[in-house]
PDB file of N, CA and C in Angstrom:
ATOM      1  N   MET A   1     -49.425  49.299 -92.539  1.00  0.00           N
ATOM      2  CA  MET A   1     -49.838  50.637 -92.924  1.00  0.00           C
ATOM      3  C   MET A   1     -48.785  51.642 -92.440  1.00  0.00           C
ATOM      4  N   ASN A   2     -48.499  52.622 -93.276  1.00  0.00           N
ATOM      5  CA  ASN A   2     -47.467  53.604 -92.942  1.00  0.00           C
ATOM      6  C   ASN A   2     -48.099  54.985 -92.794  1.00  0.00           C
ATOM      7  N   GLU A   3     -48.869  55.154 -91.718  1.00  0.00           N
ATOM      8  CA  GLU A   3     -49.596  56.389 -91.493  1.00  0.00           C
ATOM      9  C   GLU A   3     -48.657  57.530 -91.130  1.00  0.00           C
ATOM     10  N   ASP A   4     -49.161  58.752 -91.255  1.00  0.00           N
ATOM     11  CA  ASP A   4     -48.384  59.915 -90.850  1.00  0.00           C
ATOM     12  C   ASP A   4     -48.400  60.039 -89.334  1.00  0.00           C
ATOM     13  N   VAL A   5     -47.261  60.440 -88.794  1.00  0.00           N
ATOM     14  CA  VAL A   5     -47.095  60.571 -87.350  1.00  0.00           C
ATOM     15  C   VAL A   5     -46.314  61.842 -87.047  1.00  0.00           C
ATOM     16  N   ARG A   6     -46.258  62.151 -85.768  1.00  0.00           N
ATOM     17  CA  ARG A   6     -45.442  63.253 -85.262  1.00  0.00           C
ATOM     18  C   ARG A   6     -44.465  62.650 -84.261  1.00  0.00           C
ATOM     19  N   LEU A   7     -43.194  62.905 -84.472  1.00  0.00           N
ATOM     20  CA  LEU A   7     -42.140  62.483 -83.559  1.00  0.00           C
ATOM     21  C   LEU A   7     -41.584  63.716 -82.865  1.00  0.00           C
ATOM     22  N   VAL A   8     -41.543  63.677 -81.547  1.00  0.00           N
ATOM     23  CA  VAL A   8     -40.859  64.714 -80.782  1.00  0.00           C
ATOM     24  C   VAL A   8     -39.747  64.010 -80.018  1.00  0.00           C
ATOM     25  N   ALA A   9     -38.507  64.454 -80.269  1.00  0.00           N
ATOM     26  CA  ALA A   9     -37.350  63.817 -79.637  1.00  0.00           C
ATOM     27  C   ALA A   9     -36.508  64.875 -78.930  1.00  0.00           C
ATOM     28  N   TRP A  10     -36.034  64.526 -77.746  1.00  0.00           N
ATOM     29  CA  TRP A  10     -35.121  65.375 -76.998  1.00  0.00           C
ATOM     30  C   TRP A  10     -33.788  64.648 -76.942  1.00  0.00           C
ATOM     31  N   VAL A  11     -32.762  65.276 -77.513  1.00  0.00           N
ATOM     32  CA  VAL A  11     -31.448  64.660 -77.630  1.00  0.00           C
ATOM     33  C   VAL A  11     -30.517  65.310 -76.618  1.00  0.00           C
ATOM     34  N   ARG A  12     -29.903  64.480 -75.763  1.00  0.00           N
ATOM     35  CA  ARG A  12     -28.998  65.023 -74.756  1.00  0.00           C
ATOM     36  C   ARG A  12     -27.580  64.516 -75.009  1.00  0.00           C
ATOM     37  N   GLY A  13     -26.636  65.299 -74.524  1.00  0.00           N
ATOM     38  CA  GLY A  13     -25.216  65.003 -74.723  1.00  0.00           C
ATOM     39  C   GLY A  13     -24.518  66.284 -75.153  1.00  0.00           C
ATOM     40  N   ARG A  14     -23.423  66.144 -75.892  1.00  0.00           N
ATOM     41  CA  ARG A  14     -22.734  67.324 -76.439  1.00  0.00           C
ATOM     42  C   ARG A  14     -23.299  67.559 -77.830  1.00  0.00           C
ATOM     43  N   VAL A  15     -24.456  68.231 -77.875  1.00  0.00           N
ATOM     44  CA  VAL A  15     -25.188  68.380 -79.132  1.00  0.00           C
ATOM     45  C   VAL A  15     -25.436  69.842 -79.504  1.00  0.00           C
ATOM     46  N   GLN A  16     -24.870  70.769 -78.748  1.00  0.00           N
ATOM     47  CA  GLN A  16     -24.958  72.177 -79.128  1.00  0.00           C
ATOM     48  C   GLN A  16     -23.565  72.687 -79.455  1.00  0.00           C
ATOM     49  N   GLY A  17     -23.490  73.544 -80.478  1.00  0.00           N
ATOM     50  CA  GLY A  17     -22.207  74.102 -80.892  1.00  0.00           C
ATOM     51  C   GLY A  17     -21.390  73.160 -81.754  1.00  0.00           C
ATOM     52  N   VAL A  18     -22.003  72.109 -82.273  1.00  0.00           N
ATOM     53  CA  VAL A  18     -21.280  71.122 -83.088  1.00  0.00           C
ATOM     54  C   VAL A  18     -21.960  70.896 -84.447  1.00  0.00           C
ATOM     55  N   GLY A  19     -22.924  71.752 -84.798  1.00  0.00           N
ATOM     56  CA  GLY A  19     -23.632  71.602 -86.062  1.00  0.00           C
ATOM     57  C   GLY A  19     -24.743  70.573 -86.035  1.00  0.00           C
ATOM     58  N   PHE A  20     -25.166  70.196 -84.845  1.00  0.00           N
ATOM     59  CA  PHE A  20     -26.156  69.120 -84.716  1.00  0.00           C
ATOM     60  C   PHE A  20     -27.471  69.446 -85.408  1.00  0.00           C
ATOM     61  N   ARG A  21     -27.976  70.659 -85.214  1.00  0.00           N
ATOM     62  CA  ARG A  21     -29.254  71.030 -85.842  1.00  0.00           C
ATOM     63  C   ARG A  21     -29.128  71.035 -87.361  1.00  0.00           C
ATOM     64  N   TRP A  22     -28.010  71.552 -87.868  1.00  0.00           N
ATOM     65  CA  TRP A  22     -27.791  71.607 -89.318  1.00  0.00           C
ATOM     66  C   TRP A  22     -27.768  70.194 -89.899  1.00  0.00           C
ATOM     67  N   PHE A  23     -27.020  69.301 -89.267  1.00  0.00           N
ATOM     68  CA  PHE A  23     -26.945  67.919 -89.757  1.00  0.00           C
ATOM     69  C   PHE A  23     -28.293  67.202 -89.618  1.00  0.00           C
ATOM     70  N   THR A  24     -29.053  67.522 -88.567  1.00  0.00           N
ATOM     71  CA  THR A  24     -30.381  66.929 -88.402  1.00  0.00           C
ATOM     72  C   THR A  24     -31.289  67.362 -89.542  1.00  0.00           C
ATOM     73  N   ARG A  25     -31.249  68.646 -89.880  1.00  0.00           N
ATOM     74  CA  ARG A  25     -32.053  69.137 -91.003  1.00  0.00           C
ATOM     75  C   ARG A  25     -31.622  68.452 -92.297  1.00  0.00           C
ATOM     76  N   ALA A  26     -30.309  68.351 -92.520  1.00  0.00           N
ATOM     77  CA  ALA A  26     -29.802  67.705 -93.739  1.00  0.00           C
ATOM     78  C   ALA A  26     -30.261  66.255 -93.818  1.00  0.00           C
ATOM     79  N   ARG A  27     -30.234  65.552 -92.697  1.00  0.00           N
ATOM     80  CA  ARG A  27     -30.678  64.153 -92.677  1.00  0.00           C
ATOM     81  C   ARG A  27     -32.180  64.066 -92.941  1.00  0.00           C
ATOM     82  N   ALA A  28     -32.960  64.969 -92.361  1.00  0.00           N
ATOM     83  CA  ALA A  28     -34.410  64.976 -92.599  1.00  0.00           C
ATOM     84  C   ALA A  28     -34.706  65.216 -94.078  1.00  0.00           C
ATOM     85  N   LEU A  29     -33.967  66.135 -94.711  1.00  0.00           N
ATOM     86  CA  LEU A  29     -34.162  66.410 -96.133  1.00  0.00           C
ATOM     87  C   LEU A  29     -33.730  65.220 -96.980  1.00  0.00           C
ATOM     88  N   GLU A  30     -32.667  64.553 -96.551  1.00  0.00           N
ATOM     89  CA  GLU A  30     -32.189  63.361 -97.269  1.00  0.00           C
ATOM     90  C   GLU A  30     -33.227  62.239 -97.212  1.00  0.00           C
ATOM     91  N   ILE A  31     -33.827  62.044 -96.050  1.00  0.00           N
ATOM     92  CA  ILE A  31     -34.870  61.032 -95.906  1.00  0.00           C
ATOM     93  C   ILE A  31     -36.054  61.404 -96.789  1.00  0.00           C
ATOM     94  N   GLY A  32     -36.421  62.679 -96.775  1.00  0.00           N
ATOM     95  CA  GLY A  32     -37.498  63.185 -97.613  1.00  0.00           C
ATOM     96  C   GLY A  32     -38.872  63.033 -96.983  1.00  0.00           C
ATOM     97  N   GLY A  33     -39.762  63.944 -97.311  1.00  0.00           N
ATOM     98  CA  GLY A  33     -41.134  63.874 -96.850  1.00  0.00           C
ATOM     99  C   GLY A  33     -41.350  64.266 -95.404  1.00  0.00           C
ATOM    100  N   LEU A  34     -40.324  64.822 -94.762  1.00  0.00           N
ATOM    101  CA  LEU A  34     -40.451  65.212 -93.362  1.00  0.00           C
ATOM    102  C   LEU A  34     -40.577  66.725 -93.240  1.00  0.00           C
ATOM    103  N   SER A  35     -41.401  67.172 -92.306  1.00  0.00           N
ATOM    104  CA  SER A  35     -41.465  68.589 -91.967  1.00  0.00           C
ATOM    105  C   SER A  35     -41.286  68.701 -90.461  1.00  0.00           C
ATOM    106  N   GLY A  36     -40.836  69.872 -90.017  1.00  0.00           N
ATOM    107  CA  GLY A  36     -40.624  70.074 -88.596  1.00  0.00           C
ATOM    108  C   GLY A  36     -39.462  71.001 -88.339  1.00  0.00           C
ATOM    109  N   PHE A  37     -38.738  70.756 -87.241  1.00  0.00           N
ATOM    110  CA  PHE A  37     -37.641  71.649 -86.883  1.00  0.00           C
ATOM    111  C   PHE A  37     -36.694  70.986 -85.886  1.00  0.00           C
ATOM    112  N   ALA A  38     -35.521  71.602 -85.737  1.00  0.00           N
ATOM    113  CA  ALA A  38     -34.558  71.253 -84.694  1.00  0.00           C
ATOM    114  C   ALA A  38     -34.251  72.544 -83.939  1.00  0.00           C
ATOM    115  N   LEU A  39     -34.277  72.472 -82.608  1.00  0.00           N
ATOM    116  CA  LEU A  39     -34.184  73.650 -81.760  1.00  0.00           C
ATOM    117  C   LEU A  39     -33.244  73.390 -80.584  1.00  0.00           C
ATOM    118  N   ASN A  40     -32.292  74.322 -80.347  1.00  0.00           N
ATOM    119  CA  ASN A  40     -31.461  74.251 -79.146  1.00  0.00           C
ATOM    120  C   ASN A  40     -32.294  74.662 -77.941  1.00  0.00           C
ATOM    121  N   LEU A  41     -32.236  73.886 -76.874  1.00  0.00           N
ATOM    122  CA  LEU A  41     -32.924  74.216 -75.629  1.00  0.00           C
ATOM    123  C   LEU A  41     -31.940  74.812 -74.634  1.00  0.00           C
ATOM    124  N   ASP A  42     -32.446  75.598 -73.702  1.00  0.00           N
ATOM    125  CA  ASP A  42     -31.596  76.269 -72.717  1.00  0.00           C
ATOM    126  C   ASP A  42     -30.827  75.292 -71.830  1.00  0.00           C
ATOM    127  N   ASP A  43     -31.323  74.068 -71.676  1.00  0.00           N
ATOM    128  CA  ASP A  43     -30.660  73.098 -70.797  1.00  0.00           C
ATOM    129  C   ASP A  43     -29.585  72.280 -71.506  1.00  0.00           C
ATOM    130  N   GLY A  44     -29.271  72.626 -72.760  1.00  0.00           N
ATOM    131  CA  GLY A  44     -28.195  71.941 -73.484  1.00  0.00           C
ATOM    132  C   GLY A  44     -28.673  70.845 -74.413  1.00  0.00           C
ATOM    133  N   ARG A  45     -29.952  70.494 -74.355  1.00  0.00           N
ATOM    134  CA  ARG A  45     -30.483  69.479 -75.260  1.00  0.00           C
ATOM    135  C   ARG A  45     -30.900  70.115 -76.576  1.00  0.00           C
ATOM    136  N   VAL A  46     -31.144  69.263 -77.570  1.00  0.00           N
ATOM    137  CA  VAL A  46     -31.745  69.688 -78.829  1.00  0.00           C
ATOM    138  C   VAL A  46     -33.094  68.991 -78.940  1.00  0.00           C
ATOM    139  N   GLN A  47     -34.131  69.768 -79.241  1.00  0.00           N
ATOM    140  CA  GLN A  47     -35.458  69.208 -79.482  1.00  0.00           C
ATOM    141  C   GLN A  47     -35.636  69.069 -80.987  1.00  0.00           C
ATOM    142  N   VAL A  48     -36.089  67.901 -81.406  1.00  0.00           N
ATOM    143  CA  VAL A  48     -36.362  67.640 -82.813  1.00  0.00           C
ATOM    144  C   VAL A  48     -37.832  67.262 -82.938  1.00  0.00           C
ATOM    145  N   VAL A  49     -38.545  67.977 -83.787  1.00  0.00           N
ATOM    146  CA  VAL A  49     -39.938  67.656 -84.094  1.00  0.00           C
ATOM    147  C   VAL A  49     -39.991  67.314 -85.577  1.00  0.00           C
ATOM    148  N   ALA A  50     -40.510  66.138 -85.887  1.00  0.00           N
ATOM    149  CA  ALA A  50     -40.612  65.707 -87.285  1.00  0.00           C
ATOM    150  C   ALA A  50     -41.980  65.102 -87.529  1.00  0.00           C
ATOM    151  N   GLU A  51     -42.561  65.465 -88.655  1.00  0.00           N
ATOM    152  CA  GLU A  51     -43.834  64.886 -89.074  1.00  0.00           C
ATOM    153  C   GLU A  51     -43.662  64.294 -90.461  1.00  0.00           C
ATOM    154  N   GLY A  52     -44.258  63.138 -90.650  1.00  0.00           N
ATOM    155  CA  GLY A  52     -44.191  62.429 -91.926  1.00  0.00           C
ATOM    156  C   GLY A  52     -44.633  60.999 -91.693  1.00  0.00           C
ATOM    157  N   THR A  53     -44.260  60.122 -92.600  1.00  0.00           N
ATOM    158  CA  THR A  53     -44.629  58.727 -92.419  1.00  0.00           C
ATOM    159  C   THR A  53     -43.883  58.147 -91.220  1.00  0.00           C
ATOM    160  N   ARG A  54     -44.467  57.124 -90.624  1.00  0.00           N
ATOM    161  CA  ARG A  54     -43.807  56.469 -89.484  1.00  0.00           C
ATOM    162  C   ARG A  54     -42.422  55.962 -89.882  1.00  0.00           C
ATOM    163  N   GLU A  55     -42.317  55.409 -91.078  1.00  0.00           N
ATOM    164  CA  GLU A  55     -41.027  54.894 -91.554  1.00  0.00           C
ATOM    165  C   GLU A  55     -39.980  56.009 -91.641  1.00  0.00           C
ATOM    166  N   SER A  56     -40.368  57.167 -92.183  1.00  0.00           N
ATOM    167  CA  SER A  56     -39.429  58.282 -92.308  1.00  0.00           C
ATOM    168  C   SER A  56     -39.033  58.834 -90.947  1.00  0.00           C
ATOM    169  N   CYS A  57     -40.009  58.996 -90.061  1.00  0.00           N
ATOM    170  CA  CYS A  57     -39.706  59.491 -88.717  1.00  0.00           C
ATOM    171  C   CYS A  57     -38.827  58.501 -87.953  1.00  0.00           C
ATOM    172  N   GLN A  58     -39.097  57.211 -88.109  1.00  0.00           N
ATOM    173  CA  GLN A  58     -38.268  56.202 -87.457  1.00  0.00           C
ATOM    174  C   GLN A  58     -36.849  56.243 -87.999  1.00  0.00           C
ATOM    175  N   GLY A  59     -36.708  56.491 -89.301  1.00  0.00           N
ATOM    176  CA  GLY A  59     -35.376  56.623 -89.891  1.00  0.00           C
ATOM    177  C   GLY A  59     -34.606  57.782 -89.292  1.00  0.00           C
ATOM    178  N   LEU A  60     -35.284  58.912 -89.075  1.00  0.00           N
ATOM    179  CA  LEU A  60     -34.619  60.051 -88.445  1.00  0.00           C
ATOM    180  C   LEU A  60     -34.266  59.730 -87.002  1.00  0.00           C
ATOM    181  N   LEU A  61     -35.177  59.086 -86.273  1.00  0.00           N
ATOM    182  CA  LEU A  61     -34.904  58.705 -84.886  1.00  0.00           C
ATOM    183  C   LEU A  61     -33.724  57.745 -84.808  1.00  0.00           C
ATOM    184  N   ASP A  62     -33.671  56.778 -85.715  1.00  0.00           N
ATOM    185  CA  ASP A  62     -32.544  55.842 -85.735  1.00  0.00           C
ATOM    186  C   ASP A  62     -31.230  56.594 -85.929  1.00  0.00           C
ATOM    187  N   TRP A  63     -31.236  57.598 -86.813  1.00  0.00           N
ATOM    188  CA  TRP A  63     -30.029  58.395 -87.043  1.00  0.00           C
ATOM    189  C   TRP A  63     -29.667  59.186 -85.787  1.00  0.00           C
ATOM    190  N   LEU A  64     -30.670  59.789 -85.132  1.00  0.00           N
ATOM    191  CA  LEU A  64     -30.411  60.556 -83.904  1.00  0.00           C
ATOM    192  C   LEU A  64     -29.779  59.685 -82.827  1.00  0.00           C
ATOM    193  N   CYS A  65     -30.160  58.422 -82.779  1.00  0.00           N
ATOM    194  CA  CYS A  65     -29.647  57.488 -81.765  1.00  0.00           C
ATOM    195  C   CYS A  65     -28.353  56.810 -82.194  1.00  0.00           C
ATOM    196  N   GLY A  66     -27.951  56.985 -83.433  1.00  0.00           N
ATOM    197  CA  GLY A  66     -26.799  56.269 -83.975  1.00  0.00           C
ATOM    198  C   GLY A  66     -25.477  56.972 -83.721  1.00  0.00           C
ATOM    199  N   ALA A  67     -24.433  56.434 -84.316  1.00  0.00           N
ATOM    200  CA  ALA A  67     -23.069  56.924 -84.104  1.00  0.00           C
ATOM    201  C   ALA A  67     -22.633  57.956 -85.138  1.00  0.00           C
ATOM    202  N   ASP A  68     -23.480  58.275 -86.110  1.00  0.00           N
ATOM    203  CA  ASP A  68     -23.080  59.176 -87.196  1.00  0.00           C
ATOM    204  C   ASP A  68     -23.431  60.635 -86.950  1.00  0.00           C
ATOM    205  N   THR A  69     -23.962  60.970 -85.787  1.00  0.00           N
ATOM    206  CA  THR A  69     -24.323  62.353 -85.496  1.00  0.00           C
ATOM    207  C   THR A  69     -23.085  63.143 -85.089  1.00  0.00           C
ATOM    208  N   PRO A  70     -23.096  64.453 -85.308  1.00  0.00           N
ATOM    209  CA  PRO A  70     -21.982  65.273 -84.800  1.00  0.00           C
ATOM    210  C   PRO A  70     -22.059  65.383 -83.284  1.00  0.00           C
ATOM    211  N   GLY A  71     -20.951  65.676 -82.660  1.00  0.00           N
ATOM    212  CA  GLY A  71     -20.933  65.782 -81.198  1.00  0.00           C
ATOM    213  C   GLY A  71     -21.007  64.412 -80.562  1.00  0.00           C
ATOM    214  N   ARG A  72     -21.738  64.346 -79.459  1.00  0.00           N
ATOM    215  CA  ARG A  72     -21.887  63.084 -78.733  1.00  0.00           C
ATOM    216  C   ARG A  72     -23.302  62.997 -78.187  1.00  0.00           C
ATOM    217  N   VAL A  73     -24.021  61.992 -78.589  1.00  0.00           N
ATOM    218  CA  VAL A  73     -25.381  61.778 -78.091  1.00  0.00           C
ATOM    219  C   VAL A  73     -25.318  60.802 -76.926  1.00  0.00           C
ATOM    220  N   ASP A  74     -25.766  61.262 -75.762  1.00  0.00           N
ATOM    221  CA  ASP A  74     -25.814  60.400 -74.579  1.00  0.00           C
ATOM    222  C   ASP A  74     -27.144  59.688 -74.441  1.00  0.00           C
ATOM    223  N   GLY A  75     -28.183  60.221 -75.082  1.00  0.00           N
ATOM    224  CA  GLY A  75     -29.486  59.583 -75.007  1.00  0.00           C
ATOM    225  C   GLY A  75     -30.533  60.391 -75.745  1.00  0.00           C
ATOM    226  N   VAL A  76     -31.592  59.714 -76.116  1.00  0.00           N
ATOM    227  CA  VAL A  76     -32.707  60.347 -76.817  1.00  0.00           C
ATOM    228  C   VAL A  76     -34.001  59.881 -76.152  1.00  0.00           C
ATOM    229  N   THR A  77     -34.846  60.832 -75.800  1.00  0.00           N
ATOM    230  CA  THR A  77     -36.182  60.537 -75.295  1.00  0.00           C
ATOM    231  C   THR A  77     -37.163  60.960 -76.373  1.00  0.00           C
ATOM    232  N   GLU A  78     -38.107  60.088 -76.712  1.00  0.00           N
ATOM    233  CA  GLU A  78     -39.039  60.454 -77.771  1.00  0.00           C
ATOM    234  C   GLU A  78     -40.471  60.153 -77.379  1.00  0.00           C
ATOM    235  N   ILE A  79     -41.370  60.895 -77.991  1.00  0.00           N
ATOM    236  CA  ILE A  79     -42.791  60.599 -77.908  1.00  0.00           C
ATOM    237  C   ILE A  79     -43.360  60.614 -79.323  1.00  0.00           C
ATOM    238  N   TRP A  80     -44.383  59.816 -79.523  1.00  0.00           N
ATOM    239  CA  TRP A  80     -45.063  59.738 -80.816  1.00  0.00           C
ATOM    240  C   TRP A  80     -46.456  60.306 -80.623  1.00  0.00           C
ATOM    241  N   ASP A  81     -46.924  61.037 -81.641  1.00  0.00           N
ATOM    242  CA  ASP A  81     -48.211  61.707 -81.514  1.00  0.00           C
ATOM    243  C   ASP A  81     -48.853  61.819 -82.898  1.00  0.00           C
ATOM    244  N   THR A  82     -49.999  62.450 -82.919  1.00  0.00           N
ATOM    245  CA  THR A  82     -50.716  62.717 -84.155  1.00  0.00           C
ATOM    246  C   THR A  82     -50.128  63.971 -84.801  1.00  0.00           C
ATOM    247  N   PRO A  83     -49.884  63.961 -86.102  1.00  0.00           N
ATOM    248  CA  PRO A  83     -49.304  65.150 -86.742  1.00  0.00           C
ATOM    249  C   PRO A  83     -50.236  66.348 -86.675  1.00  0.00           C
ATOM    250  N   ARG A  84     -49.643  67.514 -86.536  1.00  0.00           N
ATOM    251  CA  ARG A  84     -50.409  68.763 -86.494  1.00  0.00           C
ATOM    252  C   ARG A  84     -50.478  69.418 -87.874  1.00  0.00           C
ATOM    253  N   ARG A  85     -49.558  69.049 -88.744  1.00  0.00           N
ATOM    254  CA  ARG A  85     -49.518  69.558 -90.127  1.00  0.00           C
ATOM    255  C   ARG A  85     -49.466  71.084 -90.189  1.00  0.00           C
ATOM    256  N   ILE A  86     -48.594  71.674 -89.367  1.00  0.00           N
ATOM    257  CA  ILE A  86     -48.454  73.127 -89.356  1.00  0.00           C
ATOM    258  C   ILE A  86     -47.093  73.585 -89.863  1.00  0.00           C
ATOM    259  N   TYR A  87     -46.207  72.652 -90.206  1.00  0.00           N
ATOM    260  CA  TYR A  87     -44.852  73.005 -90.622  1.00  0.00           C
ATOM    261  C   TYR A  87     -44.705  72.900 -92.135  1.00  0.00           C
ATOM    262  N   GLU A  88     -43.952  73.835 -92.683  1.00  0.00           N
ATOM    263  CA  GLU A  88     -43.599  73.742 -94.097  1.00  0.00           C
ATOM    264  C   GLU A  88     -42.083  73.544 -94.148  1.00  0.00           C
ATOM    265  N   GLY A  89     -41.657  72.417 -94.668  1.00  0.00           N
ATOM    266  CA  GLY A  89     -40.230  72.122 -94.717  1.00  0.00           C
ATOM    267  C   GLY A  89     -39.689  71.738 -93.362  1.00  0.00           C
ATOM    268  N   PHE A  90     -38.366  71.689 -93.278  1.00  0.00           N
ATOM    269  CA  PHE A  90     -37.703  71.335 -92.023  1.00  0.00           C
ATOM    270  C   PHE A  90     -36.750  72.465 -91.665  1.00  0.00           C
ATOM    271  N   ALA A  91     -36.991  73.122 -90.538  1.00  0.00           N
ATOM    272  CA  ALA A  91     -36.287  74.347 -90.185  1.00  0.00           C
ATOM    273  C   ALA A  91     -35.294  74.129 -89.046  1.00  0.00           C
ATOM    274  N   ILE A  92     -34.339  75.031 -88.982  1.00  0.00           N
ATOM    275  CA  ILE A  92     -33.443  75.147 -87.836  1.00  0.00           C
ATOM    276  C   ILE A  92     -33.926  76.357 -87.063  1.00  0.00           C
ATOM    277  N   ARG A  93     -34.213  76.151 -85.803  1.00  0.00           N
ATOM    278  CA  ARG A  93     -34.699  77.264 -84.962  1.00  0.00           C
ATOM    279  C   ARG A  93     -33.698  77.601 -83.886  1.00  0.00           C
TER     280      ARG A  93
END
């Protein structure tokens, strides 16, 4: 079963000032069916919140952890939760 989920991921490394949020949004739109946002945090990390099917969210998480992201990802911490269904589209914040 491919139920809807909420993924919250915190990406650390050199991920601010390199277009990371823009590329994350582009990847989410490419995957399709995802809503949420990417946000720069004051501590240098980027927070990514995505809601959609588990398969789609896992695809975005795999990309966040992979070698094709801009900058340099040193690690990703994620939690899975129940979707809140409050987002329209995928935004850069």
